[in-house]
Amino acid sequence: MKYRVEITAPAESDIEEAYLWIRNNAPEAAVRWREGLYHVAQELETSPRRFGLAPEDAVVDFEVRQFVYTSYRILYTVKDDAVYILHVRRGARQFLTAEEIQAPP
């Protein structure tokens, strides 16, 4: 089965924030980082459950998984035939609270 990969608005905002931060020091690296992130996120269309649960899974009533891309955690959930990218967080940041994570539609 192939899943549809959707990037939520909060995740898009996270990606843009990270991109701008990286771009301040290394503009070309920022472009490569963002393109690479979108590429690996799209790979979730096959076997999205191969990655483990995120610590945030314990604070919400739906499954939250994660994988690491460079030094960022990609938080996502699988619902029906879709994978929803929920957030992109630098690994050194604190875990999200239940109020910061929205269930997909």
C-alpha atoms as a PDB file:
ATOM      1  CA  MET A   1       0.000   0.000   0.000  1.00  0.00           C
ATOM      2  CA  LYS A   2       1.186   3.505  -0.801  1.00  0.00           C
ATOM      3  CA  TYR A   3       0.327   6.293   1.600  1.00  0.00           C
ATOM      4  CA  ARG A   4      -0.284   9.923   0.736  1.00  0.00           C
ATOM      5  CA  VAL A   5       2.189  12.219   2.544  1.00  0.00           C
ATOM      6  CA  GLU A   6       0.817  15.569   3.702  1.00  0.00           C
ATOM      7  CA  ILE A   7       2.775  18.275   5.472  1.00  0.00           C
ATOM      8  CA  THR A   8       0.594  20.193   7.917  1.00  0.00           C
ATOM      9  CA  ALA A   9       0.684  23.971   8.295  1.00  0.00           C
ATOM     10  CA  PRO A  10       2.538  23.792  11.641  1.00  0.00           C
ATOM     11  CA  ALA A  11       5.184  21.552  10.059  1.00  0.00           C
ATOM     12  CA  GLU A  12       5.542  23.918   7.088  1.00  0.00           C
ATOM     13  CA  SER A  13       6.066  26.754   9.554  1.00  0.00           C
ATOM     14  CA  ASP A  14       8.690  24.703  11.418  1.00  0.00           C
ATOM     15  CA  ILE A  15      10.472  23.926   8.145  1.00  0.00           C
ATOM     16  CA  GLU A  16      10.530  27.573   7.108  1.00  0.00           C
ATOM     17  CA  GLU A  17      11.860  28.644  10.508  1.00  0.00           C
ATOM     18  CA  ALA A  18      14.655  26.049  10.361  1.00  0.00           C
ATOM     19  CA  TYR A  19      15.457  26.915   6.750  1.00  0.00           C
ATOM     20  CA  LEU A  20      15.824  30.626   7.591  1.00  0.00           C
ATOM     21  CA  TRP A  21      18.014  29.830  10.588  1.00  0.00           C
ATOM     22  CA  ILE A  22      20.326  27.620   8.497  1.00  0.00           C
ATOM     23  CA  ARG A  23      20.323  30.157   5.651  1.00  0.00           C
ATOM     24  CA  ASN A  24      21.766  32.846   7.918  1.00  0.00           C
ATOM     25  CA  ASN A  25      25.031  30.905   8.061  1.00  0.00           C
ATOM     26  CA  ALA A  26      24.994  28.761   4.938  1.00  0.00           C
ATOM     27  CA  PRO A  27      22.521  29.697   2.167  1.00  0.00           C
ATOM     28  CA  GLU A  28      23.385  26.781  -0.134  1.00  0.00           C
ATOM     29  CA  ALA A  29      23.262  24.293   2.730  1.00  0.00           C
ATOM     30  CA  ALA A  30      19.823  25.595   3.675  1.00  0.00           C
ATOM     31  CA  VAL A  31      18.475  24.848   0.210  1.00  0.00           C
ATOM     32  CA  ARG A  32      19.979  21.342   0.269  1.00  0.00           C
ATOM     33  CA  TRP A  33      18.603  20.759   3.774  1.00  0.00           C
ATOM     34  CA  ARG A  34      15.054  21.722   2.817  1.00  0.00           C
ATOM     35  CA  GLU A  35      15.084  19.725  -0.426  1.00  0.00           C
ATOM     36  CA  GLY A  36      16.496  16.717   1.411  1.00  0.00           C
ATOM     37  CA  LEU A  37      13.873  16.968   4.123  1.00  0.00           C
ATOM     38  CA  TYR A  38      11.033  16.980   1.605  1.00  0.00           C
ATOM     39  CA  HIS A  39      12.626  14.015  -0.154  1.00  0.00           C
ATOM     40  CA  VAL A  40      12.958  11.863   2.968  1.00  0.00           C
ATOM     41  CA  ALA A  41       9.487  12.854   4.159  1.00  0.00           C
ATOM     42  CA  GLN A  42       8.062  11.633   0.861  1.00  0.00           C
ATOM     43  CA  GLU A  43       9.709   8.265   1.469  1.00  0.00           C
ATOM     44  CA  LEU A  44       7.152   7.713   4.240  1.00  0.00           C
ATOM     45  CA  GLU A  45       4.682   6.785   1.506  1.00  0.00           C
ATOM     46  CA  THR A  46       5.971   3.233   1.882  1.00  0.00           C
ATOM     47  CA  SER A  47       6.148   1.591   5.326  1.00  0.00           C
ATOM     48  CA  PRO A  48       5.584   4.667   7.519  1.00  0.00           C
ATOM     49  CA  ARG A  49       5.318   2.513  10.635  1.00  0.00           C
ATOM     50  CA  ARG A  50       8.946   1.424  10.349  1.00  0.00           C
ATOM     51  CA  PHE A  51      10.001   4.257  12.673  1.00  0.00           C
ATOM     52  CA  GLY A  52       9.410   4.234  16.404  1.00  0.00           C
ATOM     53  CA  LEU A  53       7.061   6.205  18.574  1.00  0.00           C
ATOM     54  CA  ALA A  54       8.029   9.736  19.564  1.00  0.00           C
ATOM     55  CA  PRO A  55       8.131  10.747  23.241  1.00  0.00           C
ATOM     56  CA  GLU A  56       5.133  12.989  22.442  1.00  0.00           C
ATOM     57  CA  ASP A  57       3.083   9.853  21.774  1.00  0.00           C
ATOM     58  CA  ALA A  58       2.624   9.530  25.540  1.00  0.00           C
ATOM     59  CA  VAL A  59       0.820  12.887  25.863  1.00  0.00           C
ATOM     60  CA  VAL A  60      -1.766  12.670  23.070  1.00  0.00           C
ATOM     61  CA  ASP A  61      -4.559  10.240  22.239  1.00  0.00           C
ATOM     62  CA  PHE A  62      -3.302   9.374  18.756  1.00  0.00           C
ATOM     63  CA  GLU A  63      -0.095   7.753  17.559  1.00  0.00           C
ATOM     64  CA  VAL A  64       2.906  10.040  17.012  1.00  0.00           C
ATOM     65  CA  ARG A  65       6.014   8.607  15.388  1.00  0.00           C
ATOM     66  CA  GLN A  66       9.355  10.169  14.595  1.00  0.00           C
ATOM     67  CA  PHE A  67      12.446   9.853  12.468  1.00  0.00           C
ATOM     68  CA  VAL A  68      15.587  11.935  12.536  1.00  0.00           C
ATOM     69  CA  TYR A  69      16.827  13.965   9.590  1.00  0.00           C
ATOM     70  CA  THR A  70      20.176  15.671  10.251  1.00  0.00           C
ATOM     71  CA  SER A  71      19.645  17.127  13.732  1.00  0.00           C
ATOM     72  CA  TYR A  72      15.855  17.476  13.382  1.00  0.00           C
ATOM     73  CA  ARG A  73      13.090  15.184  14.563  1.00  0.00           C
ATOM     74  CA  ILE A  74      10.267  14.746  12.077  1.00  0.00           C
ATOM     75  CA  LEU A  75       7.056  14.044  13.998  1.00  0.00           C
ATOM     76  CA  TYR A  76       4.226  12.409  12.110  1.00  0.00           C
ATOM     77  CA  THR A  77       1.144  10.264  12.395  1.00  0.00           C
ATOM     78  CA  VAL A  78      -0.514   7.721  10.134  1.00  0.00           C
ATOM     79  CA  LYS A  79      -4.260   7.945   9.609  1.00  0.00           C
ATOM     80  CA  ASP A  80      -6.124   5.777   7.116  1.00  0.00           C
ATOM     81  CA  ASP A  81      -4.194   6.057   3.829  1.00  0.00           C
ATOM     82  CA  ALA A  82      -2.247   9.207   4.740  1.00  0.00           C
ATOM     83  CA  VAL A  83       0.883  10.196   6.619  1.00  0.00           C
ATOM     84  CA  TYR A  84       0.665  13.622   8.233  1.00  0.00           C
ATOM     85  CA  ILE A  85       3.895  15.415   9.056  1.00  0.00           C
ATOM     86  CA  LEU A  86       2.969  17.252  12.258  1.00  0.00           C
ATOM     87  CA  HIS A  87       6.145  19.083  13.283  1.00  0.00           C
ATOM     88  CA  VAL A  88       9.830  19.391  12.487  1.00  0.00           C
ATOM     89  CA  ARG A  89      11.836  20.047  15.642  1.00  0.00           C
ATOM     90  CA  ARG A  90      15.512  20.466  16.332  1.00  0.00           C
ATOM     91  CA  GLY A  91      16.542  17.467  18.413  1.00  0.00           C
ATOM     92  CA  ALA A  92      17.936  19.597  21.239  1.00  0.00           C
ATOM     93  CA  ARG A  93      14.594  21.312  21.862  1.00  0.00           C
ATOM     94  CA  GLN A  94      12.195  20.187  24.562  1.00  0.00           C
ATOM     95  CA  PHE A  95       9.489  17.719  23.641  1.00  0.00           C
ATOM     96  CA  LEU A  96       6.154  19.153  22.571  1.00  0.00           C
ATOM     97  CA  THR A  97       3.220  19.299  24.952  1.00  0.00           C
ATOM     98  CA  ALA A  98      -0.237  17.930  24.170  1.00  0.00           C
ATOM     99  CA  GLU A  99      -1.441  21.494  23.509  1.00  0.00           C
ATOM    100  CA  GLU A 100       1.202  21.957  20.821  1.00  0.00           C
ATOM    101  CA  ILE A 101       0.247  18.866  18.805  1.00  0.00           C
ATOM    102  CA  GLN A 102      -2.932  18.861  16.735  1.00  0.00           C
ATOM    103  CA  ALA A 103      -4.503  15.664  15.454  1.00  0.00           C
ATOM    104  CA  PRO A 104      -4.876  15.600  11.679  1.00  0.00           C
ATOM    105  CA  PRO A 105      -8.311  16.049  10.128  1.00  0.00           C
END
